[in-house]
PDB file of N, CA and C in Angstrom:
ATOM      1  N   MET A   1      90.803  83.232  67.692  1.00  0.00           N
ATOM      2  CA  MET A   1      89.863  82.702  68.237  1.00  0.00           C
ATOM      3  C   MET A   1      88.960  83.774  69.100  1.00  0.00           C
ATOM      4  N   ASP A   2      87.725  83.850  69.298  1.00  0.00           N
ATOM      5  CA  ASP A   2      86.982  84.911  69.920  1.00  0.00           C
ATOM      6  C   ASP A   2      87.353  85.042  71.451  1.00  0.00           C
ATOM      7  N   ARG A   3      87.440  86.006  72.029  1.00  0.00           N
ATOM      8  CA  ARG A   3      88.030  86.217  73.266  1.00  0.00           C
ATOM      9  C   ARG A   3      87.087  85.668  74.394  1.00  0.00           C
ATOM     10  N   ALA A   4      85.877  85.669  73.961  1.00  0.00           N
ATOM     11  CA  ALA A   4      84.645  85.159  75.101  1.00  0.00           C
ATOM     12  C   ALA A   4      84.796  83.641  74.912  1.00  0.00           C
ATOM     13  N   ILE A   5      85.225  82.893  73.923  1.00  0.00           N
ATOM     14  CA  ILE A   5      85.391  81.473  73.502  1.00  0.00           C
ATOM     15  C   ILE A   5      86.547  81.096  74.435  1.00  0.00           C
ATOM     16  N   LEU A   6      87.835  81.942  74.278  1.00  0.00           N
ATOM     17  CA  LEU A   6      88.899  81.603  75.075  1.00  0.00           C
ATOM     18  C   LEU A   6      88.769  81.622  76.489  1.00  0.00           C
ATOM     19  N   GLU A   7      87.903  82.713  76.899  1.00  0.00           N
ATOM     20  CA  GLU A   7      87.674  82.934  78.339  1.00  0.00           C
ATOM     21  C   GLU A   7      86.738  81.710  78.875  1.00  0.00           C
ATOM     22  N   ARG A   8      85.964  81.236  78.116  1.00  0.00           N
ATOM     23  CA  ARG A   8      84.976  80.073  78.521  1.00  0.00           C
ATOM     24  C   ARG A   8      85.864  78.745  78.706  1.00  0.00           C
ATOM     25  N   GLU A   9      86.527  78.631  77.652  1.00  0.00           N
ATOM     26  CA  GLU A   9      87.635  77.425  77.658  1.00  0.00           C
ATOM     27  C   GLU A   9      88.500  77.264  78.740  1.00  0.00           C
ATOM     28  N   ALA A  10      89.220  78.617  79.013  1.00  0.00           N
ATOM     29  CA  ALA A  10      90.034  78.609  80.021  1.00  0.00           C
ATOM     30  C   ALA A  10      89.539  78.222  81.466  1.00  0.00           C
ATOM     31  N   LEU A  11      88.072  78.858  81.758  1.00  0.00           N
ATOM     32  CA  LEU A  11      87.641  78.715  82.876  1.00  0.00           C
ATOM     33  C   LEU A  11      87.129  77.197  83.191  1.00  0.00           C
ATOM     34  N   LYS A  12      87.353  76.437  82.101  1.00  0.00           N
ATOM     35  CA  LYS A  12      86.949  74.797  82.304  1.00  0.00           C
ATOM     36  C   LYS A  12      88.161  74.266  82.808  1.00  0.00           C
ATOM     37  N   LEU A  13      89.586  74.688  82.740  1.00  0.00           N
ATOM     38  CA  LEU A  13      90.565  74.049  83.062  1.00  0.00           C
ATOM     39  C   LEU A  13      90.639  73.963  84.763  1.00  0.00           C
ATOM     40  N   PRO A  14      91.174  72.878  85.247  1.00  0.00           N
ATOM     41  CA  PRO A  14      91.590  72.998  86.718  1.00  0.00           C
ATOM     42  C   PRO A  14      92.194  74.154  87.335  1.00  0.00           C
ATOM     43  N   GLN A  15      91.913  74.594  88.454  1.00  0.00           N
ATOM     44  CA  GLN A  15      92.555  75.662  88.941  1.00  0.00           C
ATOM     45  C   GLN A  15      94.130  75.877  88.774  1.00  0.00           C
ATOM     46  N   HIS A  16      94.986  74.648  89.082  1.00  0.00           N
ATOM     47  CA  HIS A  16      96.155  74.782  88.776  1.00  0.00           C
ATOM     48  C   HIS A  16      96.749  74.967  87.332  1.00  0.00           C
ATOM     49  N   GLU A  17      96.113  74.593  86.515  1.00  0.00           N
ATOM     50  CA  GLU A  17      96.207  74.806  85.050  1.00  0.00           C
ATOM     51  C   GLU A  17      95.830  76.261  84.536  1.00  0.00           C
ATOM     52  N   ARG A  18      94.800  76.827  85.088  1.00  0.00           N
ATOM     53  CA  ARG A  18      94.677  78.325  85.011  1.00  0.00           C
ATOM     54  C   ARG A  18      95.486  79.132  85.666  1.00  0.00           C
ATOM     55  N   ALA A  19      96.097  78.660  86.744  1.00  0.00           N
ATOM     56  CA  ALA A  19      97.199  79.519  87.228  1.00  0.00           C
ATOM     57  C   ALA A  19      98.558  79.459  86.553  1.00  0.00           C
ATOM     58  N   LEU A  20      98.771  78.357  85.942  1.00  0.00           N
ATOM     59  CA  LEU A  20      99.865  78.348  84.957  1.00  0.00           C
ATOM     60  C   LEU A  20      99.806  79.039  83.822  1.00  0.00           C
ATOM     61  N   LEU A  21      98.590  78.961  83.176  1.00  0.00           N
ATOM     62  CA  LEU A  21      98.064  79.770  81.967  1.00  0.00           C
ATOM     63  C   LEU A  21      98.253  81.288  82.326  1.00  0.00           C
ATOM     64  N   ALA A  22      97.698  81.619  83.532  1.00  0.00           N
ATOM     65  CA  ALA A  22      97.755  83.114  83.797  1.00  0.00           C
ATOM     66  C   ALA A  22      99.159  83.495  84.086  1.00  0.00           C
ATOM     67  N   ASP A  23      99.944  82.589  84.583  1.00  0.00           N
ATOM     68  CA  ASP A  23     101.348  83.085  84.745  1.00  0.00           C
ATOM     69  C   ASP A  23     102.098  83.389  83.135  1.00  0.00           C
ATOM     70  N   ALA A  24     101.819  82.427  82.420  1.00  0.00           N
ATOM     71  CA  ALA A  24     102.466  82.252  81.091  1.00  0.00           C
ATOM     72  C   ALA A  24     101.818  83.749  80.269  1.00  0.00           C
ATOM     73  N   GLU A  25     100.681  83.800  80.490  1.00  0.00           N
ATOM     74  CA  GLU A  25     100.233  84.953  79.481  1.00  0.00           C
ATOM     75  C   GLU A  25     100.892  86.293  80.248  1.00  0.00           C
ATOM     76  N   GLY A  26     100.757  86.451  81.418  1.00  0.00           N
ATOM     77  CA  GLY A  26     101.463  87.456  82.082  1.00  0.00           C
ATOM     78  C   GLY A  26     102.695  87.614  81.764  1.00  0.00           C
ATOM     79  N   GLY A  27     103.523  86.683  81.503  1.00  0.00           N
ATOM     80  CA  GLY A  27     104.910  86.758  81.089  1.00  0.00           C
ATOM     81  C   GLY A  27     105.219  87.122  79.561  1.00  0.00           C
ATOM     82  N   SER A  28     104.121  87.075  78.804  1.00  0.00           N
ATOM     83  CA  SER A  28     104.041  87.109  77.524  1.00  0.00           C
ATOM     84  C   SER A  28     103.619  88.867  77.214  1.00  0.00           C
ATOM     85  N   LEU A  29     103.351  89.664  78.413  1.00  0.00           N
ATOM     86  CA  LEU A  29     103.001  91.017  78.065  1.00  0.00           C
ATOM     87  C   LEU A  29     104.271  92.032  78.067  1.00  0.00           C
ATOM     88  N   ASP A  30     104.196  92.913  77.415  1.00  0.00           N
ATOM     89  CA  ASP A  30     105.022  93.906  77.081  1.00  0.00           C
ATOM     90  C   ASP A  30     105.451  94.545  78.562  1.00  0.00           C
ATOM     91  N   ASP A  31     106.584  94.880  78.728  1.00  0.00           N
ATOM     92  CA  ASP A  31     107.072  95.574  80.215  1.00  0.00           C
ATOM     93  C   ASP A  31     106.382  96.556  80.473  1.00  0.00           C
ATOM     94  N   GLU A  32     106.157  97.657  79.253  1.00  0.00           N
ATOM     95  CA  GLU A  32     105.562  98.841  79.706  1.00  0.00           C
ATOM     96  C   GLU A  32     103.952  98.541  79.844  1.00  0.00           C
ATOM     97  N   VAL A  33     103.328  97.668  79.340  1.00  0.00           N
ATOM     98  CA  VAL A  33     102.015  97.384  79.828  1.00  0.00           C
ATOM     99  C   VAL A  33     101.869  96.798  81.060  1.00  0.00           C
ATOM    100  N   VAL A  34     102.896  96.069  81.437  1.00  0.00           N
ATOM    101  CA  VAL A  34     102.769  95.519  82.989  1.00  0.00           C
ATOM    102  C   VAL A  34     102.972  96.846  83.823  1.00  0.00           C
ATOM    103  N   ARG A  35     103.996  97.455  83.586  1.00  0.00           N
ATOM    104  CA  ARG A  35     104.254  98.983  84.268  1.00  0.00           C
ATOM    105  C   ARG A  35     103.001  99.638  84.493  1.00  0.00           C
ATOM    106  N   GLU A  36     102.252  99.865  83.088  1.00  0.00           N
ATOM    107  CA  GLU A  36     101.225 100.854  83.351  1.00  0.00           C
ATOM    108  C   GLU A  36      99.931 100.091  84.274  1.00  0.00           C
ATOM    109  N   ALA A  37      99.615  98.955  84.153  1.00  0.00           N
ATOM    110  CA  ALA A  37      98.853  98.267  84.891  1.00  0.00           C
ATOM    111  C   ALA A  37      99.100  98.243  86.498  1.00  0.00           C
ATOM    112  N   GLU A  38     100.404  98.151  86.759  1.00  0.00           N
ATOM    113  CA  GLU A  38     100.878  98.223  88.038  1.00  0.00           C
ATOM    114  C   GLU A  38     100.632  99.520  88.683  1.00  0.00           C
ATOM    115  N   SER A  39     101.095 100.429  87.817  1.00  0.00           N
ATOM    116  CA  SER A  39     100.856 101.987  88.090  1.00  0.00           C
ATOM    117  C   SER A  39      99.339 102.186  88.391  1.00  0.00           C
ATOM    118  N   ALA A  40      98.438 101.726  87.614  1.00  0.00           N
ATOM    119  CA  ALA A  40      97.001 102.177  87.728  1.00  0.00           C
ATOM    120  C   ALA A  40      96.530 101.397  88.992  1.00  0.00           C
ATOM    121  N   CYS A  41      97.130 100.260  89.269  1.00  0.00           N
ATOM    122  CA  CYS A  41      96.550  99.546  90.432  1.00  0.00           C
ATOM    123  C   CYS A  41      96.891 100.237  91.598  1.00  0.00           C
ATOM    124  N   ALA A  42      98.071 100.713  91.873  1.00  0.00           N
ATOM    125  CA  ALA A  42      98.716 101.319  93.041  1.00  0.00           C
ATOM    126  C   ALA A  42      98.154 102.825  93.132  1.00  0.00           C
ATOM    127  N   HIS A  43      97.697 103.395  92.018  1.00  0.00           N
ATOM    128  CA  HIS A  43      96.945 104.540  92.121  1.00  0.00           C
ATOM    129  C   HIS A  43      95.630 104.284  92.761  1.00  0.00           C
ATOM    130  N   GLU A  44      94.916 103.370  92.029  1.00  0.00           N
ATOM    131  CA  GLU A  44      93.710 102.917  92.680  1.00  0.00           C
ATOM    132  C   GLU A  44      93.592 102.587  94.143  1.00  0.00           C
ATOM    133  N   ALA A  45      94.703 101.682  94.507  1.00  0.00           N
ATOM    134  CA  ALA A  45      94.749 101.563  95.962  1.00  0.00           C
ATOM    135  C   ALA A  45      94.986 102.632  96.833  1.00  0.00           C
ATOM    136  N   ASP A  46      95.841 103.529  96.450  1.00  0.00           N
ATOM    137  CA  ASP A  46      95.928 104.817  97.305  1.00  0.00           C
ATOM    138  C   ASP A  46      94.762 105.662  97.404  1.00  0.00           C
ATOM    139  N   ASP A  47      94.060 105.804  96.102  1.00  0.00           N
ATOM    140  CA  ASP A  47      92.805 106.409  96.150  1.00  0.00           C
ATOM    141  C   ASP A  47      91.806 105.867  97.305  1.00  0.00           C
ATOM    142  N   ARG A  48      91.704 104.652  97.139  1.00  0.00           N
ATOM    143  CA  ARG A  48      90.849 104.035  98.231  1.00  0.00           C
ATOM    144  C   ARG A  48      91.244 104.148  99.544  1.00  0.00           C
ATOM    145  N   TYR A  49      92.472 104.079  99.823  1.00  0.00           N
ATOM    146  CA  TYR A  49      93.001 104.469 101.182  1.00  0.00           C
ATOM    147  C   TYR A  49      92.860 105.541 101.543  1.00  0.00           C
ATOM    148  N   GLN A  50      93.077 106.705 100.630  1.00  0.00           N
ATOM    149  CA  GLN A  50      92.676 107.937 101.073  1.00  0.00           C
ATOM    150  C   GLN A  50      91.283 108.293 101.463  1.00  0.00           C
ATOM    151  N   ALA A  51      90.252 107.669 100.536  1.00  0.00           N
ATOM    152  CA  ALA A  51      88.883 107.737 100.944  1.00  0.00           C
ATOM    153  C   ALA A  51      88.505 107.053 102.184  1.00  0.00           C
ATOM    154  N   PHE A  52      89.117 106.007 102.571  1.00  0.00           N
ATOM    155  CA  PHE A  52      89.060 105.282 103.771  1.00  0.00           C
ATOM    156  C   PHE A  52      89.513 106.340 104.956  1.00  0.00           C
ATOM    157  N   LEU A  53      90.620 106.721 104.990  1.00  0.00           N
ATOM    158  CA  LEU A  53      90.946 107.865 105.795  1.00  0.00           C
ATOM    159  C   LEU A  53      89.949 108.819 106.153  1.00  0.00           C
ATOM    160  N   ARG A  54      89.382 109.394 104.897  1.00  0.00           N
ATOM    161  CA  ARG A  54      88.428 110.382 104.975  1.00  0.00           C
ATOM    162  C   ARG A  54      86.974 109.878 105.628  1.00  0.00           C
ATOM    163  N   GLY A  55      86.985 108.635 105.792  1.00  0.00           N
ATOM    164  CA  GLY A  55      85.649 108.229 106.269  1.00  0.00           C
ATOM    165  C   GLY A  55      84.536 107.931 105.096  1.00  0.00           C
ATOM    166  N   GLU A  56      85.126 107.979 103.868  1.00  0.00           N
ATOM    167  CA  GLU A  56      83.955 107.653 102.689  1.00  0.00           C
ATOM    168  C   GLU A  56      83.737 106.565 102.323  1.00  0.00           C
ATOM    169  N   LEU A  57      84.561 105.533 102.846  1.00  0.00           N
ATOM    170  CA  LEU A  57      83.970 104.058 102.590  1.00  0.00           C
ATOM    171  C   LEU A  57      83.761 103.281 103.824  1.00  0.00           C
ATOM    172  N   GLN A  58      82.721 102.436 103.360  1.00  0.00           N
ATOM    173  CA  GLN A  58      82.337 101.273 104.304  1.00  0.00           C
ATOM    174  C   GLN A  58      83.252 100.162 104.408  1.00  0.00           C
ATOM    175  N   THR A  59      83.540  99.999 105.536  1.00  0.00           N
ATOM    176  CA  THR A  59      84.621  98.642 105.729  1.00  0.00           C
ATOM    177  C   THR A  59      83.876  97.522 106.428  1.00  0.00           C
ATOM    178  N   LEU A  60      84.433  96.289 106.255  1.00  0.00           N
ATOM    179  CA  LEU A  60      84.016  95.241 106.794  1.00  0.00           C
ATOM    180  C   LEU A  60      85.148  94.345 107.320  1.00  0.00           C
ATOM    181  N   GLU A  61      85.009  93.530 108.222  1.00  0.00           N
ATOM    182  CA  GLU A  61      86.038  92.736 108.679  1.00  0.00           C
ATOM    183  C   GLU A  61      85.908  91.527 107.740  1.00  0.00           C
ATOM    184  N   GLY A  62      87.100  90.883 107.678  1.00  0.00           N
ATOM    185  CA  GLY A  62      87.343  89.786 106.664  1.00  0.00           C
ATOM    186  C   GLY A  62      86.274  88.723 106.785  1.00  0.00           C
ATOM    187  N   PRO A  63      85.882  88.132 107.864  1.00  0.00           N
ATOM    188  CA  PRO A  63      84.703  87.216 108.009  1.00  0.00           C
ATOM    189  C   PRO A  63      83.438  87.732 107.302  1.00  0.00           C
ATOM    190  N   ALA A  64      83.184  89.098 107.895  1.00  0.00           N
ATOM    191  CA  ALA A  64      81.733  89.716 107.417  1.00  0.00           C
ATOM    192  C   ALA A  64      81.711  89.811 105.983  1.00  0.00           C
ATOM    193  N   MET A  65      82.925  90.310 105.246  1.00  0.00           N
ATOM    194  CA  MET A  65      83.024  90.391 103.946  1.00  0.00           C
ATOM    195  C   MET A  65      82.705  89.178 103.136  1.00  0.00           C
ATOM    196  N   PHE A  66      83.352  88.136 103.717  1.00  0.00           N
ATOM    197  CA  PHE A  66      83.151  86.681 102.781  1.00  0.00           C
ATOM    198  C   PHE A  66      81.684  86.423 102.853  1.00  0.00           C
ATOM    199  N   GLN A  67      81.043  86.539 104.064  1.00  0.00           N
ATOM    200  CA  GLN A  67      79.573  86.299 104.247  1.00  0.00           C
ATOM    201  C   GLN A  67      78.856  86.940 103.423  1.00  0.00           C
ATOM    202  N   GLN A  68      79.057  88.305 103.211  1.00  0.00           N
ATOM    203  CA  GLN A  68      78.178  89.202 102.454  1.00  0.00           C
ATOM    204  C   GLN A  68      78.358  88.666 100.941  1.00  0.00           C
ATOM    205  N   LEU A  69      79.400  88.350 100.516  1.00  0.00           N
ATOM    206  CA  LEU A  69      79.736  87.869  99.116  1.00  0.00           C
ATOM    207  C   LEU A  69      79.059  86.734  99.030  1.00  0.00           C
ATOM    208  N   ARG A  70      79.082  85.754  99.988  1.00  0.00           N
ATOM    209  CA  ARG A  70      78.426  84.308  99.837  1.00  0.00           C
ATOM    210  C   ARG A  70      77.029  84.514  99.599  1.00  0.00           C
ATOM    211  N   GLU A  71      76.258  85.445 100.569  1.00  0.00           N
ATOM    212  CA  GLU A  71      74.881  85.983 100.500  1.00  0.00           C
ATOM    213  C   GLU A  71      74.451  86.433  99.099  1.00  0.00           C
ATOM    214  N   GLN A  72      75.287  87.279  98.552  1.00  0.00           N
ATOM    215  CA  GLN A  72      75.133  88.147  97.193  1.00  0.00           C
ATOM    216  C   GLN A  72      75.152  87.162  96.224  1.00  0.00           C
ATOM    217  N   HIS A  73      75.889  86.031  96.325  1.00  0.00           N
ATOM    218  CA  HIS A  73      76.152  85.325  95.171  1.00  0.00           C
ATOM    219  C   HIS A  73      75.506  83.724  95.286  1.00  0.00           C
ATOM    220  N   GLY A  74      74.697  83.737  96.317  1.00  0.00           N
ATOM    221  CA  GLY A  74      73.801  82.515  96.633  1.00  0.00           C
ATOM    222  C   GLY A  74      74.387  81.301  96.963  1.00  0.00           C
ATOM    223  N   LYS A  75      75.764  81.523  97.720  1.00  0.00           N
ATOM    224  CA  LYS A  75      76.605  80.120  97.828  1.00  0.00           C
ATOM    225  C   LYS A  75      76.689  80.216  99.499  1.00  0.00           C
TER     226      LYS A  75
END
């Protein structure tokens, strides 16, 4: 089945069923793939933190960030 079709159909599921599906799919991944993804995420988080410490990133408090997202997405 086409990836786009799978994604579209999965997004039609109730949230708790999508969570179960994501958990099942995550468990089916090769341990090496999971380690690589976790390593990449950790590296990205560290890069962003270092940029924050250097004053290179704009930051927002949580409520302001959510308000900005709602405004951007018209909700």
